Protein backbone atom coordinates (compact mmCIF):
# COMPACT_ATOMS: atom_id res chain seq x y z
CA MET A 1 -29.75 -46.64 -71.72
CA ALA A 2 -30.84 -48.93 -68.91
CA ALA A 3 -33.95 -46.83 -68.34
CA ALA A 4 -34.80 -46.94 -72.04
CA ALA A 5 -34.39 -50.72 -72.08
CA ALA A 6 -36.58 -51.04 -69.00
CA ARG A 7 -39.30 -48.89 -70.57
CA THR A 8 -39.16 -51.01 -73.72
CA VAL A 9 -39.64 -54.18 -71.69
CA GLU A 10 -42.47 -52.60 -69.73
CA ARG A 11 -44.30 -51.65 -72.92
CA PHE A 12 -43.55 -54.62 -75.17
CA GLY A 13 -42.88 -57.41 -72.70
CA GLY A 14 -39.23 -58.05 -73.56
CA ILE A 15 -36.35 -57.40 -75.94
CA ASP A 16 -35.48 -59.84 -78.70
CA VAL A 17 -33.26 -57.62 -80.85
CA CYS A 18 -30.67 -54.92 -80.20
CA VAL A 19 -29.58 -53.00 -83.30
CA ASN A 20 -26.58 -50.68 -83.07
CA ASN A 21 -27.11 -48.40 -86.04
CA ALA A 22 -26.33 -44.88 -84.81
CA SER A 23 -22.99 -43.61 -86.08
CA ALA A 24 -20.98 -40.43 -86.55
CA ILE A 25 -18.45 -39.98 -89.33
CA ASN A 26 -15.60 -37.57 -89.92
CA LEU A 27 -13.07 -38.55 -92.58
CA ALA A 28 -10.21 -36.35 -91.43
CA PRO A 29 -6.62 -37.42 -90.72
CA LEU A 30 -5.49 -37.42 -87.11
CA ALA A 31 -3.49 -34.19 -87.45
CA ASP A 32 -6.53 -32.26 -88.68
CA LEU A 33 -9.29 -33.76 -86.53
CA PRO A 34 -10.57 -31.58 -83.67
CA VAL A 35 -10.67 -33.40 -80.34
CA LYS A 36 -14.40 -32.79 -80.00
CA ARG A 37 -14.98 -34.57 -83.33
CA TYR A 38 -12.90 -37.51 -82.18
CA ASP A 39 -14.85 -37.62 -78.93
CA LEU A 40 -18.16 -37.51 -80.81
CA MET A 41 -17.26 -40.53 -82.93
CA ALA A 42 -15.92 -42.44 -79.94
CA ASP A 43 -19.02 -41.62 -77.89
CA ILE A 44 -21.64 -42.42 -80.52
CA ASN A 45 -19.97 -45.29 -82.33
CA THR A 46 -18.00 -47.35 -79.84
CA ARG A 47 -19.35 -46.17 -76.49
CA GLY A 48 -22.93 -46.09 -77.80
CA THR A 49 -22.64 -49.71 -78.95
CA PHE A 50 -21.25 -50.67 -75.57
CA LEU A 51 -23.95 -48.90 -73.57
CA LEU A 52 -26.96 -50.00 -75.60
CA THR A 53 -25.84 -53.61 -75.86
CA GLN A 54 -25.03 -53.79 -72.16
CA ALA A 55 -28.44 -52.36 -71.26
CA CYS A 56 -30.24 -54.87 -73.45
CA LEU A 57 -28.28 -57.98 -72.47
CA PRO A 58 -30.22 -58.94 -69.32
CA HIS A 59 -33.44 -58.87 -71.34
CA LEU A 60 -31.91 -60.59 -74.37
CA ARG A 61 -30.86 -63.51 -72.19
CA ALA A 62 -34.52 -64.09 -71.39
CA SER A 63 -35.41 -64.39 -75.09
CA ASP A 64 -35.12 -67.53 -77.20
CA ARG A 65 -34.62 -65.41 -80.37
CA ALA A 66 -32.05 -62.93 -79.04
CA HIS A 67 -29.89 -61.04 -81.51
CA VAL A 68 -27.45 -58.15 -81.35
CA LEU A 69 -26.84 -56.67 -84.79
CA THR A 70 -24.28 -53.91 -85.29
CA LEU A 71 -23.79 -51.89 -88.47
CA SER A 72 -20.01 -52.09 -88.55
CA PRO A 73 -17.37 -53.48 -90.92
CA PRO A 74 -15.26 -56.61 -91.04
CA LEU A 75 -11.92 -56.16 -89.32
CA SER A 76 -8.82 -55.49 -91.39
CA THR A 77 -5.29 -54.37 -90.59
CA HIS A 78 -4.60 -53.00 -94.07
CA PRO A 79 -3.10 -49.47 -93.85
CA ARG A 80 -5.56 -48.16 -96.46
CA TRP A 81 -8.28 -48.21 -93.80
CA LEU A 82 -6.15 -46.12 -91.44
CA ARG A 83 -4.63 -43.60 -93.82
CA GLY A 84 -6.62 -40.37 -93.80
CA HIS A 85 -9.32 -41.36 -91.32
CA ALA A 86 -7.80 -43.49 -88.55
CA ALA A 87 -10.06 -42.06 -85.85
CA TYR A 88 -13.22 -43.03 -87.72
CA THR A 89 -11.76 -46.46 -88.46
CA VAL A 90 -10.96 -47.05 -84.80
CA SER A 91 -14.51 -46.15 -83.80
CA LYS A 92 -16.10 -48.47 -86.37
CA PHE A 93 -13.71 -51.36 -85.73
CA GLY A 94 -14.40 -50.84 -82.03
CA MET A 95 -18.08 -51.47 -82.70
CA THR A 96 -17.18 -54.70 -84.48
CA MET A 97 -14.86 -55.89 -81.72
CA LEU A 98 -17.44 -55.23 -79.02
CA THR A 99 -20.06 -57.16 -80.96
CA LEU A 100 -17.80 -60.12 -81.64
CA GLY A 101 -16.92 -60.05 -77.94
CA VAL A 102 -20.60 -60.31 -77.05
CA ALA A 103 -20.91 -63.29 -79.41
CA ALA A 104 -18.17 -65.06 -77.46
CA ASP A 105 -19.38 -63.99 -74.02
CA GLU A 106 -23.05 -64.80 -74.57
CA ALA A 107 -22.83 -68.01 -76.59
CA GLU A 108 -24.03 -70.17 -73.71
CA ALA A 109 -26.94 -67.80 -73.10
CA GLY A 110 -28.02 -68.21 -76.72
CA VAL A 111 -27.59 -64.56 -77.66
CA GLY A 112 -26.47 -64.19 -81.26
CA ALA A 113 -24.26 -61.20 -82.03
CA ASN A 114 -23.23 -60.23 -85.55
CA CYS A 115 -22.06 -57.29 -87.63
CA LEU A 116 -23.47 -56.22 -90.98
CA TRP A 117 -21.82 -53.95 -93.55
CA PRO A 118 -22.68 -53.01 -97.15
CA ARG A 119 -20.42 -54.21 -99.92
CA THR A 120 -21.18 -51.07 -101.96
CA LEU A 121 -21.90 -47.49 -101.08
CA ILE A 122 -25.45 -47.02 -99.81
CA GLY A 123 -27.50 -44.02 -100.90
CA THR A 124 -27.60 -42.05 -97.64
CA ALA A 125 -27.08 -38.42 -96.70
CA ALA A 126 -23.63 -39.30 -95.36
CA VAL A 127 -22.57 -40.70 -98.73
CA GLN A 128 -24.00 -37.71 -100.56
CA ASN A 129 -22.41 -35.15 -98.25
CA LEU A 130 -19.04 -36.78 -97.58
CA LEU A 131 -18.22 -39.17 -100.40
CA GLY A 132 -19.05 -37.41 -103.63
CA GLY A 133 -22.51 -35.87 -103.81
CA ASP A 134 -24.90 -36.95 -106.56
CA GLU A 135 -22.18 -38.90 -108.34
CA ALA A 136 -21.68 -41.05 -105.24
CA LEU A 137 -25.43 -41.59 -104.94
CA ALA A 138 -25.56 -42.77 -108.55
CA ARG A 139 -22.93 -45.40 -107.68
CA SER A 140 -24.78 -46.58 -104.59
CA ARG A 141 -27.33 -49.22 -103.76
CA THR A 142 -30.48 -48.28 -101.88
CA PRO A 143 -30.76 -48.69 -98.09
CA GLU A 144 -33.30 -51.47 -98.62
CA ILE A 145 -30.53 -53.96 -99.34
CA VAL A 146 -29.15 -53.49 -95.83
CA ALA A 147 -32.64 -53.72 -94.31
CA ASP A 148 -33.37 -56.95 -96.20
CA ALA A 149 -30.03 -58.47 -95.18
CA ALA A 150 -30.66 -57.47 -91.57
CA ALA A 151 -34.08 -59.11 -91.63
CA GLU A 152 -32.50 -62.30 -92.98
CA ILE A 153 -29.90 -62.38 -90.19
CA LEU A 154 -32.48 -61.70 -87.49
CA ALA A 155 -34.63 -64.57 -88.75
CA ARG A 156 -31.79 -67.06 -88.18
CA ASP A 157 -31.27 -69.19 -85.09
CA PRO A 158 -29.09 -67.01 -82.83
CA ARG A 159 -27.27 -70.05 -81.47
CA ALA A 160 -26.12 -70.97 -84.97
CA ALA A 161 -25.71 -67.52 -86.52
CA THR A 162 -23.33 -65.65 -84.24
CA GLY A 163 -19.85 -64.17 -84.29
CA ASN A 164 -19.94 -63.09 -87.92
CA ALA A 165 -19.07 -59.90 -89.79
CA TYR A 166 -21.43 -60.19 -92.75
CA LEU A 167 -21.59 -58.28 -96.03
CA ASP A 168 -25.13 -57.50 -97.16
CA ASP A 169 -25.10 -59.13 -100.59
CA ALA A 170 -23.43 -62.27 -99.23
CA VAL A 171 -26.23 -62.66 -96.68
CA LEU A 172 -28.84 -62.35 -99.40
CA ALA A 173 -26.97 -64.81 -101.63
CA GLU A 174 -27.04 -67.36 -98.82
CA ALA A 175 -30.81 -66.83 -98.68
CA GLY A 176 -31.08 -67.47 -102.42
CA VAL A 177 -31.41 -63.83 -103.48
CA THR A 178 -28.91 -63.26 -106.29
CA ASP A 179 -30.73 -60.70 -108.45
CA LEU A 180 -29.88 -57.42 -106.75
CA GLY A 181 -30.99 -55.17 -109.59
CA ARG A 182 -33.85 -53.65 -107.62
CA TYR A 183 -31.38 -52.13 -105.18
CA ALA A 184 -29.69 -49.83 -107.72
CA ALA A 185 -30.36 -47.86 -110.87
CA PRO A 186 -30.11 -49.92 -114.06
CA GLY A 187 -26.52 -50.15 -115.25
CA ALA A 188 -25.14 -48.34 -112.20
CA ASP A 189 -21.34 -48.45 -111.87
CA LEU A 190 -21.40 -49.43 -108.20
CA ALA A 191 -18.62 -48.30 -105.88
CA LEU A 192 -17.32 -50.50 -103.09
CA ASP A 193 -17.83 -49.13 -99.60
CA LEU A 194 -15.14 -48.19 -97.11
CA PHE A 195 -13.55 -51.20 -95.36
CA VAL A 196 -14.41 -53.56 -98.21
CA GLU A 197 -11.29 -54.98 -99.81
CA GLY A 198 -10.68 -53.65 -103.31
CA TRP A 199 -11.61 -50.02 -102.62
CA PRO A 200 -9.82 -47.79 -103.30
CA ALA A 201 -8.16 -49.61 -106.17
CA GLN A 202 -4.77 -47.99 -105.56
CA ASP A 203 -2.63 -48.59 -102.46
């Protein structure tokens, strides 16, 4: 990671933004999850966030527009987010905790660190393959909503916008974007994403 960061600085002259987007998912309960699958999620999700952010930090401190943005959910202790997929939950919450830790550690250096998560399902291969196929895609928003929310966060002053776990539509609403129709099929019955309160409806 350090070598990749150094090559980036050599080519582009610095690093202003670190985005932790890579993630592995396996929605199996602890008793059924192979150790190698647990290790994969821990390595890619939590450890990957740690390594990439750490490698970028010396260069981010030299920037006056420095942001760390991690695609991870708001923290919650509700058992619904542990039942059935605790290992995945731990890995994603670990990403959030590391990022919020960076926000606290790097506040004086002016490095903003925030998390971003979709309120609804997003039409990705993971949603199609793991959360219901074409039916899940029909109840999803497009990835562009996350990209647009990320762009809005990264345009903010990192000294003022830091230490948050944002939801995508809330970010856009703060920017004055309230018509989200272009991010989904007309009349779509949108489904809330994992780790967003209200889904699933039953306890």
